[in-house]
Amino acid sequence: MEVFWYKNAEIHEVSVEIIENTAILLNRITLIAEVGGNEVTNPFEVTEVYIKKADGWKLGSLSFTKLMGPADR
């Protein structure tokens, strides 16, 4: 089993769209991690979906999509 150690996430761009009781956050990041003893750097688009409940915002979905080019465009 490979061990992942997330060292740093450089955030380049953030956008938020709120539609009624749903918030969609898009984040372009560069993720720096250690995987199996090797440091790797990869660009990602992170999508977070939150649903507003009576006791506050709850995370409904979280996904990472690896980008083919740099995240800081």
PDB file of N, CA and C in Angstrom:
ATOM      1  N   MET A   1       0.844  -1.178   0.000  1.00  0.00           N
ATOM      2  CA  MET A   1       0.000   0.000   0.000  1.00  0.00           C
ATOM      3  C   MET A   1       0.889   1.241   0.000  1.00  0.00           C
ATOM      4  N   GLU A   2       0.613   2.165  -0.926  1.00  0.00           N
ATOM      5  CA  GLU A   2       1.377   3.403  -1.012  1.00  0.00           C
ATOM      6  C   GLU A   2       0.873   4.397   0.029  1.00  0.00           C
ATOM      7  N   VAL A   3       1.801   5.129   0.599  1.00  0.00           N
ATOM      8  CA  VAL A   3       1.469   6.141   1.593  1.00  0.00           C
ATOM      9  C   VAL A   3       1.494   7.504   0.910  1.00  0.00           C
ATOM     10  N   PHE A   4       0.410   8.283   1.083  1.00  0.00           N
ATOM     11  CA  PHE A   4       0.313   9.634   0.553  1.00  0.00           C
ATOM     12  C   PHE A   4       0.436  10.615   1.711  1.00  0.00           C
ATOM     13  N   TRP A   5       1.317  11.596   1.560  1.00  0.00           N
ATOM     14  CA  TRP A   5       1.466  12.642   2.561  1.00  0.00           C
ATOM     15  C   TRP A   5       1.307  13.971   1.836  1.00  0.00           C
ATOM     16  N   TYR A   6       0.185  14.648   2.094  1.00  0.00           N
ATOM     17  CA  TYR A   6      -0.076  15.932   1.460  1.00  0.00           C
ATOM     18  C   TYR A   6       0.723  17.005   2.184  1.00  0.00           C
ATOM     19  N   LYS A   7       1.672  17.618   1.471  1.00  0.00           N
ATOM     20  CA  LYS A   7       2.581  18.582   2.081  1.00  0.00           C
ATOM     21  C   LYS A   7       2.080  20.018   1.960  1.00  0.00           C
ATOM     22  N   ASN A   8       1.518  20.361   0.789  1.00  0.00           N
ATOM     23  CA  ASN A   8       1.116  21.749   0.579  1.00  0.00           C
ATOM     24  C   ASN A   8       0.143  21.821  -0.590  1.00  0.00           C
ATOM     25  N   ALA A   9      -0.764  22.763  -0.527  1.00  0.00           N
ATOM     26  CA  ALA A   9      -1.664  23.055  -1.642  1.00  0.00           C
ATOM     27  C   ALA A   9      -1.583  24.546  -1.924  1.00  0.00           C
ATOM     28  N   GLU A  10      -1.083  24.882  -3.104  1.00  0.00           N
ATOM     29  CA  GLU A  10      -1.030  26.280  -3.527  1.00  0.00           C
ATOM     30  C   GLU A  10      -2.340  26.594  -4.243  1.00  0.00           C
ATOM     31  N   ILE A  11      -3.095  27.544  -3.716  1.00  0.00           N
ATOM     32  CA  ILE A  11      -4.392  27.903  -4.299  1.00  0.00           C
ATOM     33  C   ILE A  11      -4.176  29.047  -5.281  1.00  0.00           C
ATOM     34  N   HIS A  12      -4.638  28.855  -6.517  1.00  0.00           N
ATOM     35  CA  HIS A  12      -4.444  29.848  -7.571  1.00  0.00           C
ATOM     36  C   HIS A  12      -5.712  30.622  -7.905  1.00  0.00           C
ATOM     37  N   GLU A  13      -6.848  29.949  -7.824  1.00  0.00           N
ATOM     38  CA  GLU A  13      -8.109  30.590  -8.210  1.00  0.00           C
ATOM     39  C   GLU A  13      -9.252  29.929  -7.448  1.00  0.00           C
ATOM     40  N   VAL A  14     -10.203  30.741  -6.987  1.00  0.00           N
ATOM     41  CA  VAL A  14     -11.367  30.243  -6.260  1.00  0.00           C
ATOM     42  C   VAL A  14     -12.611  30.939  -6.814  1.00  0.00           C
ATOM     43  N   SER A  15     -13.667  30.152  -7.048  1.00  0.00           N
ATOM     44  CA  SER A  15     -14.942  30.756  -7.415  1.00  0.00           C
ATOM     45  C   SER A  15     -16.047  30.046  -6.639  1.00  0.00           C
ATOM     46  N   VAL A  16     -17.109  30.812  -6.343  1.00  0.00           N
ATOM     47  CA  VAL A  16     -18.239  30.287  -5.577  1.00  0.00           C
ATOM     48  C   VAL A  16     -19.523  30.673  -6.292  1.00  0.00           C
ATOM     49  N   GLU A  17     -20.417  29.701  -6.432  1.00  0.00           N
ATOM     50  CA  GLU A  17     -21.746  29.940  -6.988  1.00  0.00           C
ATOM     51  C   GLU A  17     -22.753  29.382  -5.996  1.00  0.00           C
ATOM     52  N   ILE A  18     -23.695  30.223  -5.566  1.00  0.00           N
ATOM     53  CA  ILE A  18     -24.734  29.777  -4.638  1.00  0.00           C
ATOM     54  C   ILE A  18     -26.063  29.778  -5.371  1.00  0.00           C
ATOM     55  N   ILE A  19     -26.712  28.610  -5.354  1.00  0.00           N
ATOM     56  CA  ILE A  19     -28.015  28.436  -5.980  1.00  0.00           C
ATOM     57  C   ILE A  19     -28.953  27.884  -4.912  1.00  0.00           C
ATOM     58  N   GLU A  20     -29.842  28.741  -4.426  1.00  0.00           N
ATOM     59  CA  GLU A  20     -30.777  28.396  -3.351  1.00  0.00           C
ATOM     60  C   GLU A  20     -30.015  27.845  -2.143  1.00  0.00           C
ATOM     61  N   ASN A  21     -30.160  26.550  -1.818  1.00  0.00           N
ATOM     62  CA  ASN A  21     -29.501  25.994  -0.631  1.00  0.00           C
ATOM     63  C   ASN A  21     -28.257  25.177  -0.977  1.00  0.00           C
ATOM     64  N   THR A  22     -27.688  25.425  -2.176  1.00  0.00           N
ATOM     65  CA  THR A  22     -26.503  24.699  -2.631  1.00  0.00           C
ATOM     66  C   THR A  22     -25.399  25.681  -2.982  1.00  0.00           C
ATOM     67  N   ALA A  23     -24.199  25.418  -2.497  1.00  0.00           N
ATOM     68  CA  ALA A  23     -23.026  26.222  -2.835  1.00  0.00           C
ATOM     69  C   ALA A  23     -22.021  25.329  -3.560  1.00  0.00           C
ATOM     70  N   ILE A  24     -21.529  25.815  -4.709  1.00  0.00           N
ATOM     71  CA  ILE A  24     -20.542  25.086  -5.498  1.00  0.00           C
ATOM     72  C   ILE A  24     -19.260  25.913  -5.506  1.00  0.00           C
ATOM     73  N   LEU A  25     -18.173  25.318  -5.006  1.00  0.00           N
ATOM     74  CA  LEU A  25     -16.880  25.979  -4.969  1.00  0.00           C
ATOM     75  C   LEU A  25     -15.945  25.287  -5.944  1.00  0.00           C
ATOM     76  N   LEU A  26     -15.292  26.079  -6.796  1.00  0.00           N
ATOM     77  CA  LEU A  26     -14.283  25.562  -7.714  1.00  0.00           C
ATOM     78  C   LEU A  26     -12.951  26.181  -7.327  1.00  0.00           C
ATOM     79  N   ASN A  27     -11.939  25.344  -7.164  1.00  0.00           N
ATOM     80  CA  ASN A  27     -10.620  25.801  -6.744  1.00  0.00           C
ATOM     81  C   ASN A  27      -9.569  25.206  -7.674  1.00  0.00           C
ATOM     82  N   ARG A  28      -8.713  26.044  -8.251  1.00  0.00           N
ATOM     83  CA  ARG A  28      -7.562  25.549  -9.014  1.00  0.00           C
ATOM     84  C   ARG A  28      -6.370  25.560  -8.072  1.00  0.00           C
ATOM     85  N   ILE A  29      -5.755  24.399  -7.910  1.00  0.00           N
ATOM     86  CA  ILE A  29      -4.643  24.277  -6.962  1.00  0.00           C
ATOM     87  C   ILE A  29      -3.478  23.520  -7.600  1.00  0.00           C
ATOM     88  N   THR A  30      -2.324  23.704  -7.013  1.00  0.00           N
ATOM     89  CA  THR A  30      -1.176  22.842  -7.266  1.00  0.00           C
ATOM     90  C   THR A  30      -0.938  22.094  -5.971  1.00  0.00           C
ATOM     91  N   LEU A  31      -1.042  20.765  -6.033  1.00  0.00           N
ATOM     92  CA  LEU A  31      -0.890  19.921  -4.851  1.00  0.00           C
ATOM     93  C   LEU A  31       0.520  19.339  -4.824  1.00  0.00           C
ATOM     94  N   ILE A  32       1.207  19.540  -3.724  1.00  0.00           N
ATOM     95  CA  ILE A  32       2.540  18.980  -3.508  1.00  0.00           C
ATOM     96  C   ILE A  32       2.387  17.889  -2.457  1.00  0.00           C
ATOM     97  N   ALA A  33       2.819  16.688  -2.803  1.00  0.00           N
ATOM     98  CA  ALA A  33       2.639  15.546  -1.913  1.00  0.00           C
ATOM     99  C   ALA A  33       3.854  14.630  -1.989  1.00  0.00           C
ATOM    100  N   GLU A  34       3.951  13.760  -1.006  1.00  0.00           N
ATOM    101  CA  GLU A  34       4.959  12.711  -1.037  1.00  0.00           C
ATOM    102  C   GLU A  34       4.218  11.394  -1.229  1.00  0.00           C
ATOM    103  N   VAL A  35       4.610  10.668  -2.266  1.00  0.00           N
ATOM    104  CA  VAL A  35       3.968   9.398  -2.606  1.00  0.00           C
ATOM    105  C   VAL A  35       5.064   8.332  -2.696  1.00  0.00           C
ATOM    106  N   GLY A  36       4.981   7.364  -1.814  1.00  0.00           N
ATOM    107  CA  GLY A  36       5.972   6.289  -1.834  1.00  0.00           C
ATOM    108  C   GLY A  36       7.400   6.787  -1.699  1.00  0.00           C
ATOM    109  N   GLY A  37       7.596   7.855  -0.932  1.00  0.00           N
ATOM    110  CA  GLY A  37       8.936   8.395  -0.720  1.00  0.00           C
ATOM    111  C   GLY A  37       9.380   9.411  -1.758  1.00  0.00           C
ATOM    112  N   ASN A  38       8.585   9.657  -2.792  1.00  0.00           N
ATOM    113  CA  ASN A  38       8.925  10.626  -3.844  1.00  0.00           C
ATOM    114  C   ASN A  38       8.005  11.834  -3.766  1.00  0.00           C
ATOM    115  N   GLU A  39       8.581  13.040  -3.896  1.00  0.00           N
ATOM    116  CA  GLU A  39       7.759  14.244  -3.918  1.00  0.00           C
ATOM    117  C   GLU A  39       7.191  14.439  -5.318  1.00  0.00           C
ATOM    118  N   VAL A  40       5.881  14.686  -5.388  1.00  0.00           N
ATOM    119  CA  VAL A  40       5.216  14.912  -6.661  1.00  0.00           C
ATOM    120  C   VAL A  40       4.424  16.216  -6.590  1.00  0.00           C
ATOM    121  N   THR A  41       4.301  16.874  -7.736  1.00  0.00           N
ATOM    122  CA  THR A  41       3.553  18.116  -7.843  1.00  0.00           C
ATOM    123  C   THR A  41       2.561  17.961  -8.987  1.00  0.00           C
ATOM    124  N   ASN A  42       1.274  18.184  -8.706  1.00  0.00           N
ATOM    125  CA  ASN A  42       0.242  18.022  -9.720  1.00  0.00           C
ATOM    126  C   ASN A  42      -0.795  19.131  -9.631  1.00  0.00           C
ATOM    127  N   PRO A  43      -1.265  19.623 -10.785  1.00  0.00           N
ATOM    128  CA  PRO A  43      -2.341  20.615 -10.806  1.00  0.00           C
ATOM    129  C   PRO A  43      -3.703  19.931 -10.742  1.00  0.00           C
ATOM    130  N   PHE A  44      -4.632  20.505  -9.973  1.00  0.00           N
ATOM    131  CA  PHE A  44      -5.973  19.952  -9.833  1.00  0.00           C
ATOM    132  C   PHE A  44      -7.020  21.047  -9.873  1.00  0.00           C
ATOM    133  N   GLU A  45      -8.228  20.674 -10.305  1.00  0.00           N
ATOM    134  CA  GLU A  45      -9.428  21.472 -10.093  1.00  0.00           C
ATOM    135  C   GLU A  45     -10.182  20.738  -8.991  1.00  0.00           C
ATOM    136  N   VAL A  46     -10.447  21.422  -7.890  1.00  0.00           N
ATOM    137  CA  VAL A  46     -11.154  20.816  -6.765  1.00  0.00           C
ATOM    138  C   VAL A  46     -12.577  21.367  -6.771  1.00  0.00           C
ATOM    139  N   THR A  47     -13.553  20.468  -6.756  1.00  0.00           N
ATOM    140  CA  THR A  47     -14.958  20.857  -6.735  1.00  0.00           C
ATOM    141  C   THR A  47     -15.557  20.436  -5.403  1.00  0.00           C
ATOM    142  N   GLU A  48     -16.134  21.406  -4.698  1.00  0.00           N
ATOM    143  CA  GLU A  48     -16.805  21.145  -3.421  1.00  0.00           C
ATOM    144  C   GLU A  48     -18.262  21.569  -3.566  1.00  0.00           C
ATOM    145  N   VAL A  49     -19.165  20.716  -3.133  1.00  0.00           N
ATOM    146  CA  VAL A  49     -20.589  21.042  -3.154  1.00  0.00           C
ATOM    147  C   VAL A  49     -21.102  20.975  -1.721  1.00  0.00           C
ATOM    148  N   TYR A  50     -21.691  22.082  -1.265  1.00  0.00           N
ATOM    149  CA  TYR A  50     -22.233  22.171   0.088  1.00  0.00           C
ATOM    150  C   TYR A  50     -23.742  22.364   0.019  1.00  0.00           C
ATOM    151  N   ILE A  51     -24.452  21.752   0.961  1.00  0.00           N
ATOM    152  CA  ILE A  51     -25.901  21.881   1.078  1.00  0.00           C
ATOM    153  C   ILE A  51     -26.205  22.572   2.403  1.00  0.00           C
ATOM    154  N   LYS A  52     -27.054  23.611   2.357  1.00  0.00           N
ATOM    155  CA  LYS A  52     -27.409  24.333   3.583  1.00  0.00           C
ATOM    156  C   LYS A  52     -28.511  23.581   4.319  1.00  0.00           C
ATOM    157  N   LYS A  53     -28.207  23.206   5.550  1.00  0.00           N
ATOM    158  CA  LYS A  53     -29.161  22.524   6.434  1.00  0.00           C
ATOM    159  C   LYS A  53     -29.507  23.471   7.581  1.00  0.00           C
ATOM    160  N   ALA A  54     -30.433  23.074   8.429  1.00  0.00           N
ATOM    161  CA  ALA A  54     -30.842  23.913   9.558  1.00  0.00           C
ATOM    162  C   ALA A  54     -29.688  24.235  10.490  1.00  0.00           C
ATOM    163  N   ASP A  55     -28.744  23.313  10.632  1.00  0.00           N
ATOM    164  CA  ASP A  55     -27.620  23.531  11.552  1.00  0.00           C
ATOM    165  C   ASP A  55     -26.343  23.985  10.844  1.00  0.00           C
ATOM    166  N   GLY A  56     -26.447  24.435   9.581  1.00  0.00           N
ATOM    167  CA  GLY A  56     -25.277  24.978   8.884  1.00  0.00           C
ATOM    168  C   GLY A  56     -25.019  24.274   7.554  1.00  0.00           C
ATOM    169  N   TRP A  57     -23.912  24.633   6.920  1.00  0.00           N
ATOM    170  CA  TRP A  57     -23.537  24.068   5.628  1.00  0.00           C
ATOM    171  C   TRP A  57     -22.872  22.708   5.829  1.00  0.00           C
ATOM    172  N   LYS A  58     -23.288  21.724   5.021  1.00  0.00           N
ATOM    173  CA  LYS A  58     -22.737  20.361   5.089  1.00  0.00           C
ATOM    174  C   LYS A  58     -22.138  20.002   3.732  1.00  0.00           C
ATOM    175  N   LEU A  59     -20.962  19.383   3.753  1.00  0.00           N
ATOM    176  CA  LEU A  59     -20.302  18.957   2.532  1.00  0.00           C
ATOM    177  C   LEU A  59     -21.088  17.809   1.903  1.00  0.00           C
ATOM    178  N   GLY A  60     -21.511  17.982   0.656  1.00  0.00           N
ATOM    179  CA  GLY A  60     -22.246  16.950  -0.049  1.00  0.00           C
ATOM    180  C   GLY A  60     -21.375  16.161  -1.006  1.00  0.00           C
ATOM    181  N   SER A  61     -20.336  16.824  -1.559  1.00  0.00           N
ATOM    182  CA  SER A  61     -19.462  16.168  -2.515  1.00  0.00           C
ATOM    183  C   SER A  61     -18.120  16.892  -2.571  1.00  0.00           C
ATOM    184  N   LEU A  62     -17.067  16.112  -2.763  1.00  0.00           N
ATOM    185  CA  LEU A  62     -15.720  16.659  -2.918  1.00  0.00           C
ATOM    186  C   LEU A  62     -15.017  15.835  -3.978  1.00  0.00           C
ATOM    187  N   SER A  63     -14.512  16.511  -5.023  1.00  0.00           N
ATOM    188  CA  SER A  63     -13.801  15.773  -6.062  1.00  0.00           C
ATOM    189  C   SER A  63     -12.571  16.534  -6.528  1.00  0.00           C
ATOM    190  N   PHE A  64     -11.548  15.775  -6.900  1.00  0.00           N
ATOM    191  CA  PHE A  64     -10.307  16.305  -7.432  1.00  0.00           C
ATOM    192  C   PHE A  64     -10.193  15.828  -8.878  1.00  0.00           C
ATOM    193  N   THR A  65      -9.979  16.752  -9.808  1.00  0.00           N
ATOM    194  CA  THR A  65      -9.765  16.409 -11.206  1.00  0.00           C
ATOM    195  C   THR A  65      -8.370  16.885 -11.591  1.00  0.00           C
ATOM    196  N   LYS A  66      -7.523  15.948 -11.991  1.00  0.00           N
ATOM    197  CA  LYS A  66      -6.162  16.313 -12.382  1.00  0.00           C
ATOM    198  C   LYS A  66      -6.198  17.055 -13.702  1.00  0.00           C
ATOM    199  N   LEU A  67      -5.491  18.194 -13.756  1.00  0.00           N
ATOM    200  CA  LEU A  67      -5.437  19.015 -14.956  1.00  0.00           C
ATOM    201  C   LEU A  67      -4.239  18.601 -15.810  1.00  0.00           C
ATOM    202  N   MET A  68      -4.358  18.788 -17.114  1.00  0.00           N
ATOM    203  CA  MET A  68      -3.276  18.442 -18.034  1.00  0.00           C
ATOM    204  C   MET A  68      -2.204  19.520 -18.087  1.00  0.00           C
ATOM    205  N   GLY A  69      -2.572  20.768 -17.773  1.00  0.00           N
ATOM    206  CA  GLY A  69      -1.618  21.866 -17.777  1.00  0.00           C
ATOM    207  C   GLY A  69      -1.486  22.437 -16.389  1.00  0.00           C
ATOM    208  N   PRO A  70      -0.705  23.512 -16.239  1.00  0.00           N
ATOM    209  CA  PRO A  70      -0.533  24.111 -14.911  1.00  0.00           C
ATOM    210  C   PRO A  70      -1.839  24.681 -14.363  1.00  0.00           C
ATOM    211  N   ALA A  71      -1.959  24.667 -13.043  1.00  0.00           N
ATOM    212  CA  ALA A  71      -3.183  25.154 -12.387  1.00  0.00           C
ATOM    213  C   ALA A  71      -3.246  26.666 -12.323  1.00  0.00           C
ATOM    214  N   ASP A  72      -2.124  27.343 -12.504  1.00  0.00           N
ATOM    215  CA  ASP A  72      -2.081  28.795 -12.302  1.00  0.00           C
ATOM    216  C   ASP A  72      -2.319  29.579 -13.581  1.00  0.00           C
ATOM    217  N   ARG A  73      -3.097  29.062 -14.489  1.00  0.00           N
ATOM    218  CA  ARG A  73      -3.419  29.782 -15.732  1.00  0.00           C
ATOM    219  C   ARG A  73      -4.423  30.862 -15.471  1.00  0.00           C
TER     220      ARG A  73
END
